[in-house]
Every structure is written in structure tokens, then in C-alpha cells.
Amino acid sequence: DEDLIVTKKSGETAVPLSSTLANLIPLEKEIPIPTTPPNATVQLAVQFRAPDCPCTTISYWKMVDEFGGICFPEMRGVACQVRVVAI
């Protein structure tokens, strides 16, 4: 098994970017982020549909504000990498 650790900066909503290109499909297109004070952490969760064949794949996410503008555009955002080892 692989452990995945995802951290976030402050913002309203995390949304996937190009996740369909990687074949790791999130079941939700948005994840609400509760109000989080500076330097605090929050745990987020999302379910994915993995590819049907062994591979390594990634889903990329960026945060957007309530108007759809990308938060922290100069930063990378978060990525979830999954390795499918057997079907």
C-alpha cells in the first residue's frame, strides 16, 4: 500500500484539473472546504474511480474562490497519485 498525504492552503473549494486525462476520475467535482484559520489544518476526502488496468495515475486539484477564480495561481495545488497494481 501507498500512503497519500494531501495538504492545502486556505481557500473555499478544491476542484480537479485535468483529472480525466489521467484516468483517475473523482466521483465529486468539488469538495467544500470549511472556514480554516491561518496555520490550521483541515482534512479533505474524495473518492475516485481508478483505471481498469495496472498503472500509476494522478488527479490534479486547484482551489477556486466562490466566483470560480483560481486561488494561488502561482502555486502547484495538490495532486493525488494512485498506483493500480492488480485487477
N, C-alpha and C. Protein backbone atom coordinates (compact mmCIF):
# COMPACT_ATOMS: atom_id res chain seq x y z
N ASP A 1 0.83 -1.19 0.00
CA ASP A 1 0.00 0.00 0.00
C ASP A 1 0.87 1.25 0.00
N GLU A 2 0.31 2.30 -0.54
CA GLU A 2 0.98 3.59 -0.52
C GLU A 2 0.16 4.54 0.32
N ASP A 3 0.82 5.35 1.14
CA ASP A 3 0.14 6.38 1.91
C ASP A 3 0.13 7.66 1.10
N LEU A 4 -1.01 8.32 1.06
CA LEU A 4 -1.13 9.60 0.38
C LEU A 4 -1.39 10.67 1.42
N ILE A 5 -0.62 11.73 1.39
CA ILE A 5 -0.83 12.85 2.30
C ILE A 5 -1.12 14.07 1.45
N VAL A 6 -2.26 14.69 1.68
CA VAL A 6 -2.66 15.87 0.92
C VAL A 6 -2.78 17.04 1.89
N THR A 7 -2.10 18.13 1.58
CA THR A 7 -2.22 19.34 2.40
C THR A 7 -2.78 20.45 1.53
N LYS A 8 -3.34 21.46 2.15
CA LYS A 8 -3.95 22.54 1.39
C LYS A 8 -3.60 23.89 1.98
N LYS A 9 -3.70 24.90 1.18
CA LYS A 9 -3.62 26.28 1.64
C LYS A 9 -5.06 26.74 1.86
N SER A 10 -5.24 27.92 2.43
CA SER A 10 -6.61 28.39 2.69
C SER A 10 -7.34 28.66 1.39
N GLY A 11 -8.65 28.51 1.40
CA GLY A 11 -9.47 28.71 0.22
C GLY A 11 -10.85 28.16 0.45
N GLU A 12 -11.72 28.30 -0.53
CA GLU A 12 -13.10 27.89 -0.37
C GLU A 12 -13.39 26.49 -0.89
N THR A 13 -12.93 26.16 -2.09
CA THR A 13 -13.27 24.89 -2.71
C THR A 13 -12.07 24.36 -3.48
N ALA A 14 -11.85 23.06 -3.41
CA ALA A 14 -10.81 22.43 -4.22
C ALA A 14 -11.51 21.76 -5.41
N VAL A 15 -10.95 21.94 -6.60
CA VAL A 15 -11.55 21.34 -7.79
C VAL A 15 -10.48 20.62 -8.59
N PRO A 16 -10.82 19.54 -9.28
CA PRO A 16 -9.82 18.80 -10.05
C PRO A 16 -9.46 19.54 -11.34
N LEU A 17 -8.21 19.43 -11.74
CA LEU A 17 -7.76 19.96 -13.03
C LEU A 17 -7.25 18.80 -13.87
N SER A 18 -7.80 18.60 -15.03
CA SER A 18 -7.36 17.59 -15.97
C SER A 18 -7.34 16.18 -15.40
N SER A 19 -8.17 15.89 -14.42
CA SER A 19 -8.14 14.55 -13.84
C SER A 19 -8.63 13.50 -14.83
N THR A 20 -9.51 13.88 -15.77
CA THR A 20 -9.99 12.89 -16.72
C THR A 20 -8.89 12.47 -17.68
N LEU A 21 -7.91 13.32 -17.92
CA LEU A 21 -6.80 12.95 -18.79
C LEU A 21 -5.94 11.87 -18.16
N ALA A 22 -5.91 11.81 -16.85
CA ALA A 22 -5.08 10.84 -16.15
C ALA A 22 -5.83 9.55 -15.88
N ASN A 23 -7.12 9.47 -16.21
CA ASN A 23 -7.95 8.30 -15.98
C ASN A 23 -8.19 7.99 -14.51
N LEU A 24 -7.92 8.90 -13.63
CA LEU A 24 -8.27 8.78 -12.22
C LEU A 24 -9.42 9.76 -12.03
N ILE A 25 -10.64 9.24 -12.01
CA ILE A 25 -11.82 10.09 -12.08
C ILE A 25 -12.40 10.33 -10.69
N PRO A 26 -12.46 11.59 -10.24
CA PRO A 26 -13.09 11.87 -8.95
C PRO A 26 -14.60 11.71 -9.07
N LEU A 27 -15.23 11.14 -8.04
CA LEU A 27 -16.68 10.98 -8.05
C LEU A 27 -17.38 12.30 -7.74
N GLU A 28 -16.67 13.26 -7.14
CA GLU A 28 -17.18 14.60 -6.91
C GLU A 28 -16.32 15.58 -7.69
N LYS A 29 -16.95 16.62 -8.22
CA LYS A 29 -16.20 17.64 -8.96
C LYS A 29 -15.77 18.79 -8.07
N GLU A 30 -16.36 18.89 -6.88
CA GLU A 30 -15.99 19.94 -5.92
C GLU A 30 -15.96 19.34 -4.53
N ILE A 31 -15.09 19.89 -3.67
CA ILE A 31 -15.03 19.50 -2.27
C ILE A 31 -15.16 20.78 -1.45
N PRO A 32 -16.23 20.93 -0.68
CA PRO A 32 -16.34 22.12 0.17
C PRO A 32 -15.23 22.13 1.23
N ILE A 33 -14.64 23.28 1.44
CA ILE A 33 -13.60 23.43 2.46
C ILE A 33 -14.16 24.33 3.56
N PRO A 34 -14.21 23.83 4.79
CA PRO A 34 -14.74 24.67 5.87
C PRO A 34 -13.82 25.86 6.14
N THR A 35 -14.35 26.89 6.76
CA THR A 35 -13.54 28.04 7.15
C THR A 35 -12.41 27.53 8.03
N THR A 36 -11.18 27.90 7.67
CA THR A 36 -10.00 27.39 8.35
C THR A 36 -9.11 28.56 8.74
N PRO A 37 -8.81 28.73 10.03
CA PRO A 37 -7.94 29.83 10.45
C PRO A 37 -6.52 29.67 9.88
N PRO A 38 -5.76 30.76 9.79
CA PRO A 38 -4.37 30.67 9.34
C PRO A 38 -3.58 29.67 10.18
N ASN A 39 -2.70 28.93 9.54
CA ASN A 39 -1.83 27.92 10.15
C ASN A 39 -2.57 26.73 10.72
N ALA A 40 -3.87 26.63 10.50
CA ALA A 40 -4.63 25.46 10.94
C ALA A 40 -4.68 24.45 9.79
N THR A 41 -5.07 23.24 10.10
CA THR A 41 -5.21 22.21 9.07
C THR A 41 -6.65 21.73 9.02
N VAL A 42 -7.00 21.17 7.90
CA VAL A 42 -8.32 20.59 7.72
C VAL A 42 -8.15 19.33 6.88
N GLN A 43 -8.95 18.32 7.17
CA GLN A 43 -8.87 17.08 6.41
C GLN A 43 -9.95 17.07 5.34
N LEU A 44 -9.56 16.74 4.11
CA LEU A 44 -10.49 16.65 2.99
C LEU A 44 -10.48 15.22 2.48
N ALA A 45 -11.59 14.80 1.90
CA ALA A 45 -11.65 13.44 1.35
C ALA A 45 -12.44 13.47 0.05
N VAL A 46 -12.02 12.63 -0.88
CA VAL A 46 -12.73 12.46 -2.14
C VAL A 46 -12.54 11.01 -2.59
N GLN A 47 -13.57 10.45 -3.21
CA GLN A 47 -13.46 9.10 -3.75
C GLN A 47 -13.17 9.19 -5.25
N PHE A 48 -12.37 8.24 -5.75
CA PHE A 48 -12.00 8.19 -7.15
C PHE A 48 -12.40 6.86 -7.76
N ARG A 49 -12.60 6.87 -9.07
CA ARG A 49 -12.71 5.63 -9.83
C ARG A 49 -11.37 5.43 -10.52
N ALA A 50 -10.70 4.35 -10.19
CA ALA A 50 -9.37 4.07 -10.72
C ALA A 50 -9.48 3.43 -12.11
N PRO A 51 -8.40 3.47 -12.87
CA PRO A 51 -8.38 2.82 -14.18
C PRO A 51 -8.58 1.31 -14.06
N ASP A 52 -8.95 0.69 -15.18
CA ASP A 52 -9.21 -0.75 -15.20
C ASP A 52 -7.97 -1.60 -15.47
N CYS A 53 -6.81 -1.00 -15.51
CA CYS A 53 -5.59 -1.76 -15.77
C CYS A 53 -4.49 -1.28 -14.82
N PRO A 54 -3.49 -2.14 -14.57
CA PRO A 54 -2.38 -1.72 -13.70
C PRO A 54 -1.65 -0.50 -14.29
N CYS A 55 -1.44 0.51 -13.47
CA CYS A 55 -0.75 1.72 -13.91
C CYS A 55 -0.56 2.64 -12.72
N THR A 56 0.14 3.73 -12.94
CA THR A 56 0.22 4.82 -11.98
C THR A 56 -0.45 6.02 -12.62
N THR A 57 -1.33 6.68 -11.88
CA THR A 57 -2.10 7.79 -12.44
C THR A 57 -2.26 8.90 -11.41
N ILE A 58 -2.53 10.10 -11.87
CA ILE A 58 -2.58 11.27 -10.99
C ILE A 58 -3.83 12.10 -11.29
N SER A 59 -4.44 12.64 -10.24
CA SER A 59 -5.51 13.63 -10.38
C SER A 59 -4.98 14.93 -9.77
N TYR A 60 -5.01 16.01 -10.54
CA TYR A 60 -4.51 17.31 -10.09
C TYR A 60 -5.67 18.19 -9.64
N TRP A 61 -5.48 18.94 -8.55
CA TRP A 61 -6.53 19.79 -8.00
C TRP A 61 -5.98 21.18 -7.70
N LYS A 62 -6.83 22.20 -7.92
CA LYS A 62 -6.53 23.57 -7.52
C LYS A 62 -7.74 24.12 -6.79
N MET A 63 -7.52 25.08 -5.91
CA MET A 63 -8.62 25.72 -5.20
C MET A 63 -9.15 26.89 -6.01
N VAL A 64 -10.46 27.09 -5.93
CA VAL A 64 -11.09 28.26 -6.53
C VAL A 64 -11.91 28.97 -5.47
N ASP A 65 -12.11 30.26 -5.66
CA ASP A 65 -12.95 31.02 -4.74
C ASP A 65 -14.42 30.87 -5.15
N GLU A 66 -15.29 31.56 -4.44
CA GLU A 66 -16.73 31.43 -4.70
C GLU A 66 -17.14 31.92 -6.08
N PHE A 67 -16.25 32.66 -6.77
CA PHE A 67 -16.55 33.16 -8.11
C PHE A 67 -15.90 32.31 -9.20
N GLY A 68 -15.19 31.25 -8.82
CA GLY A 68 -14.54 30.37 -9.78
C GLY A 68 -13.12 30.78 -10.13
N GLY A 69 -12.60 31.84 -9.49
CA GLY A 69 -11.21 32.26 -9.74
C GLY A 69 -10.23 31.36 -9.01
N ILE A 70 -9.13 31.02 -9.67
CA ILE A 70 -8.14 30.13 -9.06
C ILE A 70 -7.41 30.85 -7.94
N CYS A 71 -7.37 30.21 -6.77
CA CYS A 71 -6.63 30.73 -5.62
C CYS A 71 -5.16 30.36 -5.78
N PHE A 72 -4.27 31.25 -5.45
CA PHE A 72 -2.84 30.99 -5.50
C PHE A 72 -2.41 30.43 -6.86
N PRO A 73 -2.67 31.13 -7.97
CA PRO A 73 -2.37 30.59 -9.30
C PRO A 73 -0.90 30.27 -9.52
N GLU A 74 -0.01 30.91 -8.78
CA GLU A 74 1.42 30.65 -8.96
C GLU A 74 1.88 29.38 -8.25
N MET A 75 1.01 28.80 -7.42
CA MET A 75 1.37 27.58 -6.69
C MET A 75 0.85 26.34 -7.42
N ARG A 76 1.41 25.20 -7.08
CA ARG A 76 1.08 23.95 -7.74
C ARG A 76 -0.31 23.40 -7.46
N GLY A 77 -0.87 23.61 -6.30
CA GLY A 77 -2.11 22.94 -5.93
C GLY A 77 -1.78 21.60 -5.30
N VAL A 78 -2.68 20.66 -5.39
CA VAL A 78 -2.43 19.34 -4.82
C VAL A 78 -2.64 18.28 -5.90
N ALA A 79 -2.02 17.15 -5.70
CA ALA A 79 -2.16 16.03 -6.62
C ALA A 79 -2.35 14.76 -5.82
N CYS A 80 -3.14 13.87 -6.35
CA CYS A 80 -3.35 12.57 -5.74
C CYS A 80 -2.82 11.53 -6.72
N GLN A 81 -1.76 10.82 -6.34
CA GLN A 81 -1.19 9.79 -7.20
C GLN A 81 -1.60 8.43 -6.68
N VAL A 82 -2.08 7.58 -7.57
CA VAL A 82 -2.52 6.24 -7.21
C VAL A 82 -1.82 5.22 -8.10
N ARG A 83 -1.37 4.15 -7.50
CA ARG A 83 -0.77 3.05 -8.26
C ARG A 83 -1.73 1.87 -8.23
N VAL A 84 -2.23 1.47 -9.39
CA VAL A 84 -3.09 0.30 -9.51
C VAL A 84 -2.17 -0.88 -9.81
N VAL A 85 -2.15 -1.87 -8.90
CA VAL A 85 -1.19 -2.97 -9.05
C VAL A 85 -1.82 -4.25 -9.58
N ALA A 86 -3.12 -4.46 -9.40
CA ALA A 86 -3.78 -5.67 -9.91
C ALA A 86 -5.27 -5.42 -10.05
N ILE A 87 -5.86 -6.12 -10.96
CA ILE A 87 -7.31 -6.02 -11.18
C ILE A 87 -7.94 -7.36 -10.86
